[in-house]
Amino acid sequence: MIGAGTSARKCEKRGFMPIAIFDSDTIPRDRRPEPEAAVVAAGRHLSKRFEGWIVATPDRRKFTVRITSYPSLDISVPFDWNATAAEVTERVRAAMED
């Protein structure tokens, strides 16, 4: 799992970041770094820029990762709260490859 000290901002410092997380405010602060970094990791192999949102369901039992790129891509991938960073990375990467 990705540690709490790893974040999308650290990945951005290293250069081009294909998936930029625009919003994750509905996710509790102590939980945000892990899914943010997992989504960024899912897009490391990409050469085009994408926008990402991580949104909690109203009951806070699940969250959804939404990736967009105008006009050609708009995908949503739902997750349970107990999803690991590896699961998030793998499923987001697979959804983008379809």
Protein backbone atom coordinates (compact mmCIF):
# COMPACT_ATOMS: atom_id res chain seq x y z
CA MET A 1 0.00 0.00 0.00
CA ILE A 2 1.05 3.56 -0.57
CA GLY A 3 2.03 5.33 2.62
CA ALA A 4 0.32 8.45 3.89
CA GLY A 5 3.38 10.53 2.96
CA THR A 6 2.98 9.75 -0.76
CA SER A 7 0.75 12.12 -2.67
CA ALA A 8 -0.14 13.28 -6.13
CA ARG A 9 1.77 16.48 -5.42
CA LYS A 10 5.03 14.56 -4.96
CA CYS A 11 4.47 12.76 -8.28
CA GLU A 12 3.85 16.11 -9.95
CA LYS A 13 7.23 17.42 -8.80
CA ARG A 14 8.90 14.67 -10.83
CA GLY A 15 7.55 16.07 -14.10
CA PHE A 16 4.64 15.28 -16.37
CA MET A 17 1.61 13.93 -14.52
CA PRO A 18 -0.91 12.40 -16.97
CA ILE A 19 -3.79 12.23 -14.46
CA ALA A 20 -4.30 15.36 -12.39
CA ILE A 21 -6.64 14.98 -9.43
CA PHE A 22 -9.00 17.96 -9.47
CA ASP A 23 -11.19 17.07 -6.52
CA SER A 24 -11.27 14.61 -3.66
CA ASP A 25 -12.90 16.80 -0.99
CA THR A 26 -15.66 14.29 -0.19
CA ILE A 27 -13.01 11.75 0.89
CA PRO A 28 -11.87 12.06 4.54
CA ARG A 29 -8.51 13.87 4.78
CA ASP A 30 -6.72 10.95 6.38
CA ARG A 31 -7.84 8.67 3.51
CA ARG A 32 -7.16 10.99 0.51
CA PRO A 33 -3.42 10.50 -0.15
CA GLU A 34 -3.68 6.77 -0.83
CA PRO A 35 -6.39 6.79 -3.55
CA GLU A 36 -4.98 9.99 -5.08
CA ALA A 37 -1.52 8.44 -5.45
CA ALA A 38 -3.04 5.17 -6.74
CA VAL A 39 -4.97 6.99 -9.48
CA VAL A 40 -1.88 8.97 -10.49
CA ALA A 41 0.11 5.72 -10.59
CA ALA A 42 -2.51 4.17 -12.88
CA GLY A 43 -1.78 6.83 -15.48
CA ARG A 44 2.02 6.94 -15.36
CA HIS A 45 2.31 5.14 -18.70
CA LEU A 46 0.04 7.62 -20.52
CA SER A 47 1.24 10.40 -22.81
CA LYS A 48 -1.99 12.44 -22.84
CA ARG A 49 -3.38 14.48 -19.93
CA PHE A 50 -6.50 13.40 -18.07
CA GLU A 51 -8.60 14.89 -15.28
CA GLY A 52 -9.53 12.87 -12.22
CA TRP A 53 -12.05 13.13 -9.44
CA ILE A 54 -12.40 10.88 -6.40
CA VAL A 55 -15.88 11.12 -4.92
CA ALA A 56 -17.45 9.44 -1.89
CA THR A 57 -20.99 8.11 -2.11
CA PRO A 58 -23.50 9.97 0.07
CA ASP A 59 -23.52 7.14 2.65
CA ARG A 60 -19.66 7.18 2.71
CA ARG A 61 -19.51 3.42 2.22
CA LYS A 62 -17.90 3.56 -1.23
CA PHE A 63 -16.06 5.93 -3.48
CA THR A 64 -15.82 6.39 -7.22
CA VAL A 65 -12.88 7.40 -9.37
CA ARG A 66 -13.91 9.39 -12.43
CA ILE A 67 -11.42 10.02 -15.23
CA THR A 68 -12.18 12.38 -18.11
CA SER A 69 -10.50 13.82 -21.16
CA TYR A 70 -12.57 16.02 -23.42
CA PRO A 71 -14.15 14.91 -25.71
CA SER A 72 -13.23 11.26 -25.89
CA LEU A 73 -13.17 9.77 -22.38
CA ASP A 74 -15.47 9.73 -19.38
CA ILE A 75 -15.17 6.66 -17.16
CA SER A 76 -16.24 5.95 -13.59
CA VAL A 77 -14.88 3.10 -11.51
CA PRO A 78 -16.60 2.32 -8.17
CA PHE A 79 -14.69 1.00 -5.13
CA ASP A 80 -15.43 -0.19 -1.60
CA TRP A 81 -13.67 1.75 1.19
CA ASN A 82 -11.43 -1.23 1.91
CA ALA A 83 -9.95 -1.24 -1.63
CA THR A 84 -6.16 -1.26 -1.54
CA ALA A 85 -4.01 1.17 -3.50
CA ALA A 86 -2.95 -1.71 -5.76
CA GLU A 87 -6.59 -2.55 -6.55
CA VAL A 88 -7.37 1.08 -7.36
CA THR A 89 -4.33 1.40 -9.62
CA GLU A 90 -5.06 -1.89 -11.42
CA ARG A 91 -8.77 -1.25 -12.01
CA VAL A 92 -8.34 2.36 -13.13
CA ARG A 93 -5.54 1.33 -15.52
CA ALA A 94 -7.68 -1.51 -16.91
CA ALA A 95 -10.69 0.78 -17.39
CA MET A 96 -8.57 3.30 -19.30
CA GLU A 97 -7.16 0.61 -21.58
CA ASP A 98 -10.64 -0.60 -22.63
